[in-house]
Amino acid sequence: MAWGKKRKYVKGKAIKNIETLLGHLNKKRWVFWRDRPMHPILLENMTLATLRRAVKRKIIYRACPNT
């Protein structure tokens, strides 16, 4: 990583059910899709089937603020 660069979010725990994921989207919270942070608007544009499959495969994680 270059000097002076710091990630705004770090990867947290995996999201285990679709209700938790939808709660994150309602509160406009960022999540990680594998190793990539994603804005909630991008996830809102995905189909529900895609989101359910991602939760089942455990590739969506919480984004925790980096302190």
Protein backbone atom coordinates (compact mmCIF):
# COMPACT_ATOMS: atom_id res chain seq x y z
CA MET A 1 0.00 0.00 0.00
CA ALA A 2 1.28 3.46 -0.86
CA TRP A 3 2.19 6.03 1.75
CA GLY A 4 -0.74 7.94 3.18
CA LYS A 5 -3.42 5.58 1.83
CA LYS A 6 -5.78 3.98 4.29
CA ARG A 7 -8.91 2.03 3.53
CA LYS A 8 -12.10 3.57 4.85
CA TYR A 9 -13.65 0.16 5.63
CA VAL A 10 -12.31 -3.26 6.57
CA LYS A 11 -14.01 -6.61 6.08
CA GLY A 12 -16.11 -7.73 9.03
CA LYS A 13 -18.17 -10.87 9.71
CA ALA A 14 -20.12 -12.64 6.99
CA ILE A 15 -23.80 -11.75 6.65
CA LYS A 16 -25.71 -14.94 7.39
CA ASN A 17 -29.29 -14.20 6.31
CA ILE A 18 -31.14 -12.07 3.80
CA GLU A 19 -32.99 -10.10 6.50
CA THR A 20 -29.71 -8.79 7.91
CA LEU A 21 -28.56 -7.83 4.43
CA LEU A 22 -31.82 -5.98 3.70
CA GLY A 23 -31.47 -4.17 7.05
CA HIS A 24 -28.01 -2.99 5.99
CA LEU A 25 -29.40 -1.78 2.67
CA ASN A 26 -32.25 0.09 4.37
CA LYS A 27 -29.75 1.91 6.58
CA LYS A 28 -27.50 2.66 3.56
CA ARG A 29 -24.52 0.80 5.02
CA TRP A 30 -21.60 -0.38 2.90
CA VAL A 31 -20.85 -4.10 2.58
CA PHE A 32 -18.03 -6.18 1.12
CA TRP A 33 -18.66 -8.38 -1.91
CA ARG A 34 -15.81 -10.87 -1.53
CA ASP A 35 -12.87 -8.48 -1.04
CA ARG A 36 -14.40 -5.40 -2.66
CA PRO A 37 -16.35 -2.72 -0.75
CA MET A 38 -19.69 -1.98 -2.38
CA HIS A 39 -22.01 0.99 -2.06
CA PRO A 40 -25.56 0.03 -1.01
CA ILE A 41 -27.04 1.49 -4.22
CA LEU A 42 -25.14 -1.11 -6.27
CA LEU A 43 -26.67 -3.90 -4.20
CA GLU A 44 -30.15 -2.40 -4.52
CA ASN A 45 -29.84 -2.75 -8.29
CA MET A 46 -29.16 -6.49 -8.03
CA THR A 47 -31.94 -9.04 -8.16
CA LEU A 48 -33.15 -10.67 -4.96
CA ALA A 49 -32.12 -14.08 -6.30
CA THR A 50 -28.53 -12.86 -6.76
CA LEU A 51 -28.43 -11.50 -3.21
CA ARG A 52 -29.90 -14.70 -1.75
CA ARG A 53 -27.31 -16.78 -3.60
CA ALA A 54 -24.49 -14.54 -2.35
CA VAL A 55 -25.67 -14.84 1.26
CA LYS A 56 -25.93 -18.62 0.90
CA ARG A 57 -22.38 -18.81 -0.50
CA LYS A 58 -21.09 -16.45 2.23
CA ILE A 59 -19.50 -13.89 -0.07
CA ILE A 60 -21.14 -10.81 1.48
CA TYR A 61 -19.52 -9.33 4.60
CA ARG A 62 -20.15 -6.36 6.84
CA ALA A 63 -18.02 -3.28 6.23
CA CYS A 64 -16.56 -2.00 9.50
CA PRO A 65 -15.04 1.50 9.75
CA ASN A 66 -11.26 1.41 9.83
CA THR A 67 -9.92 3.24 12.87
